[in-house]
Amino acid sequence: MSAAYETLDLLAPVLRVRPELQDFCRFGGSWSVSHSSAGEGWAAFHIVVKGRCVIERPGSKPVNLEAGDVLLLPHGDGHVAYGVNGRDGLRQTTTTYREHIRFKQTEGDEIDTELVCGRLHLESASENLLLRTLPPVILLRLSGLRRYAELIATIRDELQDARPGAASIARDLSSALFVMLLRQHLEEEPPTTGLLALLSARETARAAAAMVADPAKSWNLEELASLAAVSRATLVRAFRRLSGMPPQTFLTELRLGLARNRVIHTSDTLADIAVAVGYQSEAALSRAMHRRFATRPGAMRKSQHEISSASAQVD
């Protein structure tokens, strides 16, 4: 089994990819669409189902995309998408809504480009540990790879046909697509730092996987070294080399990342979250989160609700 497959097997119990499909775009002629930052903890993506386009991030070279390409911006950077005909004489774009997805289409020209655009939330035990391992841009050229092509075509057809439940089906298919994309990326570019590297390296894989699988357990260095079949000193050196922190600090980061994720994205009580991530009490978790994120869990949750409400009003 390759390192990429082993890494995904170890990560699978805690990695859930939640895509949010935002736009189905059908463009012709000259067009341009600006995308603001996807938001903390979110990655932006574009799936080109037909034609060609260009993606440009501030301070970076433009990236040319064609049918079958999937572009992922793991850090959610703001960017501009535009047609290969340039940005002069832009065509007017109309927008309609189906099941909370924006359908955008240019007027006056034959449609030659179709895109599925949105953002992706990586629901890992610690999204920061995962996202920091990924480069600013991941581009996979999937044209000619049958299984990817069929999946992309099905996502497109579901959105285009707009049958009952189409948006939900497209989201589930997109989730599968991005797990496959992550696997493909790991095969082509094995990770050298961060969580994925810890789960790939022989000296750290079993210890890191054990902490990810059971972050509430009071792991000690001797137990972790025994699992990894290395000395304690070797384990500490390997963790520092691959993640920039020793195992116990990694465990704390893992717990607080998981707690933060649940505070923001669920309605679970802080007491339940504290138990799940290995803290003795709600107060102990609240103090730890305040030290790490400079804000209390209640304020964190309230702020996220306000952002979500504002986003819903804009949509």
Protein backbone atom coordinates (compact mmCIF):
# COMPACT_ATOMS: atom_id res chain seq x y z
CA MET A 1 0.00 0.00 0.00
CA SER A 2 1.36 3.46 -0.92
CA ALA A 3 2.08 6.14 1.68
CA ALA A 4 -0.81 8.21 0.31
CA TYR A 5 -3.32 5.42 0.86
CA GLU A 6 -1.94 4.67 4.34
CA THR A 7 -2.18 8.35 5.28
CA LEU A 8 -5.81 8.60 4.14
CA ASP A 9 -6.68 5.39 5.98
CA LEU A 10 -5.29 6.87 9.20
CA LEU A 11 -6.95 10.22 8.62
CA ALA A 12 -10.33 8.89 7.43
CA PRO A 13 -11.97 8.52 10.87
CA VAL A 14 -11.61 12.24 11.58
CA LEU A 15 -11.52 13.80 8.12
CA ARG A 16 -14.85 14.85 6.70
CA VAL A 17 -14.93 17.00 3.60
CA ARG A 18 -17.97 19.28 3.53
CA PRO A 19 -18.36 21.17 0.24
CA GLU A 20 -20.67 24.14 -0.12
CA LEU A 21 -21.70 24.57 -3.73
CA GLN A 22 -22.21 28.29 -4.30
CA ASP A 23 -22.28 28.93 -8.06
CA PHE A 24 -23.04 27.08 -11.27
CA CYS A 25 -21.70 29.36 -13.97
CA ARG A 26 -22.45 29.23 -17.71
CA PHE A 27 -20.45 31.90 -19.52
CA GLY A 28 -19.66 32.99 -23.06
CA GLY A 29 -17.73 35.87 -24.57
CA SER A 30 -15.80 38.14 -22.20
CA TRP A 31 -16.59 37.67 -18.53
CA SER A 32 -15.05 38.13 -15.11
CA VAL A 33 -16.13 37.12 -11.61
CA SER A 34 -14.47 38.21 -8.35
CA HIS A 35 -14.39 35.89 -5.34
CA SER A 36 -13.66 37.23 -1.86
CA SER A 37 -11.83 35.17 0.76
CA ALA A 38 -13.69 31.93 1.50
CA GLY A 39 -13.37 32.52 5.25
CA GLU A 40 -11.31 30.99 8.04
CA GLY A 41 -11.24 27.21 7.90
CA TRP A 42 -12.62 27.10 4.34
CA ALA A 43 -10.91 26.31 1.04
CA ALA A 44 -12.16 27.70 -2.27
CA PHE A 45 -12.59 25.54 -5.34
CA HIS A 46 -13.48 25.61 -9.02
CA ILE A 47 -14.46 22.62 -11.16
CA VAL A 48 -14.26 23.27 -14.89
CA VAL A 49 -16.88 21.11 -16.56
CA LYS A 50 -16.70 22.74 -19.99
CA GLY A 51 -14.42 25.13 -21.85
CA ARG A 52 -11.52 27.16 -20.44
CA CYS A 53 -10.89 30.00 -17.99
CA VAL A 54 -8.19 31.78 -15.99
CA ILE A 55 -7.85 32.09 -12.20
CA GLU A 56 -5.74 34.89 -10.76
CA ARG A 57 -4.76 35.52 -7.14
CA PRO A 58 -3.24 38.86 -6.02
CA GLY A 59 0.53 38.74 -6.37
CA SER A 60 0.54 35.39 -8.20
CA LYS A 61 0.77 34.27 -11.80
CA PRO A 62 -2.55 33.48 -13.55
CA VAL A 63 -3.51 29.80 -13.73
CA ASN A 64 -5.08 28.55 -16.96
CA LEU A 65 -7.80 25.93 -16.52
CA GLU A 66 -9.65 23.73 -19.00
CA ALA A 67 -12.44 21.16 -18.91
CA GLY A 68 -11.69 18.41 -16.40
CA ASP A 69 -9.49 20.60 -14.18
CA VAL A 70 -10.17 21.01 -10.47
CA LEU A 71 -8.53 23.93 -8.67
CA LEU A 72 -8.41 24.03 -4.88
CA LEU A 73 -7.21 27.05 -2.88
CA PRO A 74 -6.67 25.44 0.56
CA HIS A 75 -6.26 28.76 2.34
CA GLY A 76 -9.38 30.29 0.79
CA ASP A 77 -7.57 33.21 -0.87
CA GLY A 78 -9.60 35.83 -2.67
CA HIS A 79 -9.22 35.61 -6.45
CA VAL A 80 -10.69 36.49 -9.84
CA ALA A 81 -11.95 34.07 -12.49
CA TYR A 82 -12.25 35.28 -16.08
CA GLY A 83 -12.61 34.00 -19.61
CA VAL A 84 -9.80 33.36 -22.04
CA ASN A 85 -11.19 36.16 -24.25
CA GLY A 86 -9.96 38.67 -21.70
CA ARG A 87 -11.79 41.18 -19.54
CA ASP A 88 -12.62 43.86 -22.09
CA GLY A 89 -16.24 44.38 -23.12
CA LEU A 90 -17.62 42.21 -20.33
CA ARG A 91 -20.99 40.61 -20.95
CA GLN A 92 -23.86 41.22 -18.56
CA THR A 93 -24.52 38.32 -16.21
CA THR A 94 -27.90 37.24 -14.87
CA THR A 95 -28.28 35.39 -11.57
CA THR A 96 -31.07 33.06 -10.49
CA TYR A 97 -31.34 30.75 -7.46
CA ARG A 98 -32.13 27.06 -7.07
CA GLU A 99 -31.84 25.37 -3.68
CA HIS A 100 -29.49 28.12 -2.38
CA ILE A 101 -27.13 27.77 -5.37
CA ARG A 102 -26.57 30.78 -7.62
CA PHE A 103 -26.97 30.09 -11.34
CA LYS A 104 -25.00 32.67 -13.27
CA GLN A 105 -25.16 33.08 -17.05
CA THR A 106 -23.88 35.65 -19.49
CA GLU A 107 -26.16 37.17 -22.11
CA GLY A 108 -25.60 37.66 -25.81
CA ASP A 109 -23.02 34.96 -26.57
CA GLU A 110 -23.01 31.22 -27.02
CA ILE A 111 -22.11 29.44 -23.76
CA ASP A 112 -18.61 28.02 -24.04
CA THR A 113 -17.52 27.67 -20.41
CA GLU A 114 -19.20 26.02 -17.41
CA LEU A 115 -17.88 26.11 -13.86
CA VAL A 116 -19.00 24.73 -10.52
CA CYS A 117 -17.65 27.04 -7.81
CA GLY A 118 -17.79 26.98 -4.05
CA ARG A 119 -15.90 26.43 -0.86
CA LEU A 120 -14.84 23.42 1.12
CA HIS A 121 -14.70 22.94 4.87
CA LEU A 122 -12.20 20.38 6.08
CA GLU A 123 -13.73 19.02 9.28
CA SER A 124 -10.56 17.53 10.71
CA ALA A 125 -9.77 17.21 14.38
CA SER A 126 -7.58 20.26 13.89
CA GLU A 127 -8.21 22.06 10.64
CA ASN A 128 -5.18 24.29 11.16
CA LEU A 129 -2.83 21.32 11.40
CA LEU A 130 -4.25 19.92 8.20
CA LEU A 131 -4.54 23.10 6.14
CA ARG A 132 -1.04 24.29 6.95
CA THR A 133 0.35 21.18 5.23
CA LEU A 134 -1.22 22.09 1.90
CA PRO A 135 0.22 24.53 -0.67
CA PRO A 136 -1.64 27.75 -1.65
CA VAL A 137 -2.86 26.13 -4.88
CA ILE A 138 -3.65 22.52 -5.73
CA LEU A 139 -4.41 21.92 -9.40
CA LEU A 140 -5.35 18.51 -10.71
CA ARG A 141 -5.81 18.02 -14.42
CA LEU A 142 -8.29 15.17 -14.51
CA SER A 143 -9.28 15.24 -18.16
CA GLY A 144 -9.05 11.74 -19.63
CA LEU A 145 -9.31 10.03 -16.23
CA ARG A 146 -12.62 8.26 -16.63
CA ARG A 147 -13.75 7.98 -13.01
CA TYR A 148 -13.13 11.67 -12.35
CA ALA A 149 -14.70 12.72 -15.64
CA GLU A 150 -17.84 10.73 -14.94
CA LEU A 151 -18.14 12.14 -11.43
CA ILE A 152 -17.72 15.73 -12.62
CA ALA A 153 -20.23 15.16 -15.42
CA THR A 154 -22.78 13.79 -12.95
CA ILE A 155 -22.34 16.81 -10.64
CA ARG A 156 -22.90 19.09 -13.62
CA ASP A 157 -25.96 17.17 -14.85
CA GLU A 158 -27.58 17.22 -11.40
CA LEU A 159 -27.19 21.00 -11.18
CA GLN A 160 -28.27 21.58 -14.76
CA ASP A 161 -31.37 19.35 -14.62
CA ALA A 162 -32.47 20.83 -11.27
CA ARG A 163 -34.52 17.79 -10.29
CA PRO A 164 -35.71 17.48 -6.66
CA GLY A 165 -32.74 16.95 -4.33
CA ALA A 166 -30.21 17.85 -7.02
CA ALA A 167 -28.21 20.22 -4.79
CA SER A 168 -27.88 17.62 -2.02
CA ILE A 169 -26.80 14.94 -4.47
CA ALA A 170 -24.27 17.30 -6.06
CA ARG A 171 -22.85 18.17 -2.63
CA ASP A 172 -22.41 14.50 -1.70
CA LEU A 173 -20.74 13.76 -5.02
CA SER A 174 -18.48 16.79 -4.55
CA SER A 175 -17.47 15.49 -1.12
CA ALA A 176 -16.36 12.20 -2.68
CA LEU A 177 -14.57 14.09 -5.45
CA PHE A 178 -12.48 16.11 -3.03
CA VAL A 179 -11.44 13.10 -0.95
CA MET A 180 -10.27 11.59 -4.25
CA LEU A 181 -8.54 14.88 -5.07
CA LEU A 182 -6.71 14.84 -1.74
CA ARG A 183 -5.60 11.27 -2.39
CA GLN A 184 -4.35 12.21 -5.85
CA HIS A 185 -2.44 15.16 -4.42
CA LEU A 186 -0.80 12.98 -1.77
CA GLU A 187 0.29 10.50 -4.42
CA GLU A 188 1.84 13.23 -6.55
CA GLU A 189 3.31 15.37 -3.76
CA PRO A 190 3.92 13.46 -0.50
CA PRO A 191 3.68 15.83 2.51
CA THR A 192 6.86 16.93 4.27
CA THR A 193 5.42 18.79 7.28
CA GLY A 194 2.29 18.96 9.40
CA LEU A 195 -0.42 16.45 10.25
CA LEU A 196 -0.30 14.55 6.96
CA ALA A 197 3.47 14.17 7.26
CA LEU A 198 3.12 12.85 10.82
CA LEU A 199 0.63 10.28 9.58
CA SER A 200 2.94 9.31 6.71
CA ALA A 201 6.26 8.99 8.55
CA ARG A 202 7.21 5.61 10.01
CA GLU A 203 8.48 7.09 13.30
CA THR A 204 5.32 9.07 14.04
CA ALA A 205 2.40 7.52 12.14
CA ARG A 206 1.05 5.20 14.84
CA ALA A 207 1.47 7.72 17.66
CA ALA A 208 -0.16 10.56 15.68
CA ALA A 209 -3.01 8.30 14.53
CA ALA A 210 -3.67 7.18 18.10
CA MET A 211 -3.96 10.77 19.33
CA VAL A 212 -6.16 11.75 16.40
CA ALA A 213 -8.43 8.75 16.99
CA ASP A 214 -8.72 9.30 20.76
CA PRO A 215 -7.76 12.89 21.68
CA ALA A 216 -9.53 12.64 25.05
CA LYS A 217 -7.14 10.00 26.37
CA SER A 218 -4.37 11.11 28.70
CA TRP A 219 -1.55 9.99 26.45
CA ASN A 220 1.95 10.00 27.94
CA LEU A 221 5.22 10.00 26.06
CA GLU A 222 6.12 6.45 27.02
CA GLU A 223 2.83 5.06 25.65
CA LEU A 224 3.21 6.98 22.41
CA ALA A 225 6.83 5.88 21.93
CA SER A 226 5.80 2.28 22.54
CA LEU A 227 3.08 2.53 19.90
CA ALA A 228 5.55 4.03 17.44
CA ALA A 229 8.21 1.40 18.31
CA VAL A 230 10.85 4.09 18.78
CA SER A 231 12.56 5.70 21.76
CA ARG A 232 11.00 8.69 23.45
CA ALA A 233 13.85 10.92 22.26
CA THR A 234 13.43 9.72 18.67
CA LEU A 235 9.68 10.34 18.79
CA VAL A 236 10.14 13.87 20.12
CA ARG A 237 12.74 14.69 17.47
CA ALA A 238 10.54 13.32 14.69
CA PHE A 239 7.48 15.26 15.89
CA ARG A 240 9.51 18.47 16.12
CA ARG A 241 10.92 17.96 12.63
CA LEU A 242 7.57 17.25 11.00
CA SER A 243 5.18 19.48 12.93
CA GLY A 244 7.34 21.99 14.73
CA MET A 245 6.15 20.76 18.14
CA PRO A 246 6.68 17.84 20.55
CA PRO A 247 3.97 15.15 20.91
CA GLN A 248 2.29 16.63 24.01
CA THR A 249 2.01 20.07 22.40
CA PHE A 250 0.62 18.41 19.28
CA LEU A 251 -2.01 16.70 21.45
CA THR A 252 -3.01 20.02 23.01
CA GLU A 253 -3.24 21.65 19.58
CA LEU A 254 -5.29 18.71 18.34
CA ARG A 255 -7.73 18.94 21.26
CA LEU A 256 -8.20 22.68 20.97
CA GLY A 257 -8.62 22.47 17.20
CA LEU A 258 -11.34 19.86 17.63
CA ALA A 259 -13.02 21.89 20.35
CA ARG A 260 -12.94 25.02 18.24
CA ASN A 261 -14.42 23.18 15.28
CA ARG A 262 -17.33 21.88 17.38
CA VAL A 263 -17.95 25.23 19.04
CA ILE A 264 -18.20 26.93 15.65
CA HIS A 265 -19.99 24.28 13.64
CA THR A 266 -22.27 22.49 16.13
CA SER A 267 -24.71 23.32 18.92
CA ASP A 268 -23.03 20.90 21.36
CA THR A 269 -22.70 22.17 24.91
CA LEU A 270 -19.26 23.23 26.08
CA ALA A 271 -19.45 20.60 28.82
CA ASP A 272 -19.96 17.84 26.23
CA ILE A 273 -17.16 19.21 24.08
CA ALA A 274 -14.81 19.34 27.08
CA VAL A 275 -15.39 15.67 27.84
CA ALA A 276 -14.95 14.68 24.20
CA VAL A 277 -11.55 16.35 23.86
CA GLY A 278 -10.07 15.44 27.23
CA TYR A 279 -10.62 18.42 29.53
CA GLN A 280 -11.71 17.98 33.14
CA SER A 281 -14.34 20.69 33.05
CA GLU A 282 -16.07 23.32 30.93
CA ALA A 283 -14.09 26.02 32.76
CA ALA A 284 -10.76 24.32 32.05
CA LEU A 285 -11.55 24.09 28.34
CA SER A 286 -12.75 27.69 28.24
CA ARG A 287 -9.48 28.89 29.80
CA ALA A 288 -7.39 26.81 27.40
CA MET A 289 -9.29 28.08 24.36
CA HIS A 290 -8.94 31.66 25.55
CA ARG A 291 -5.17 31.22 25.89
CA ARG A 292 -4.91 29.65 22.44
CA PHE A 293 -7.39 31.74 20.41
CA ALA A 294 -7.64 34.93 22.53
CA THR A 295 -11.43 34.57 22.80
CA ARG A 296 -13.89 32.59 24.89
CA PRO A 297 -15.95 29.77 23.35
CA GLY A 298 -19.24 31.64 23.86
CA ALA A 299 -17.96 34.70 22.04
CA MET A 300 -16.48 32.47 19.33
CA ARG A 301 -19.84 30.78 18.73
CA LYS A 302 -21.75 34.07 18.79
CA SER A 303 -19.36 35.62 16.27
CA GLN A 304 -19.75 32.65 13.93
CA HIS A 305 -23.55 32.85 14.15
CA GLU A 306 -23.42 36.55 13.27
CA ILE A 307 -21.17 35.85 10.27
CA SER A 308 -23.46 33.03 9.08
CA SER A 309 -26.55 35.22 9.46
CA ALA A 310 -24.94 38.07 7.53
CA SER A 311 -23.87 35.68 4.77
CA ALA A 312 -27.40 34.28 4.50
CA GLN A 313 -28.84 37.78 4.17
CA VAL A 314 -26.35 38.62 1.40
CA ASP A 315 -27.26 35.43 -0.49
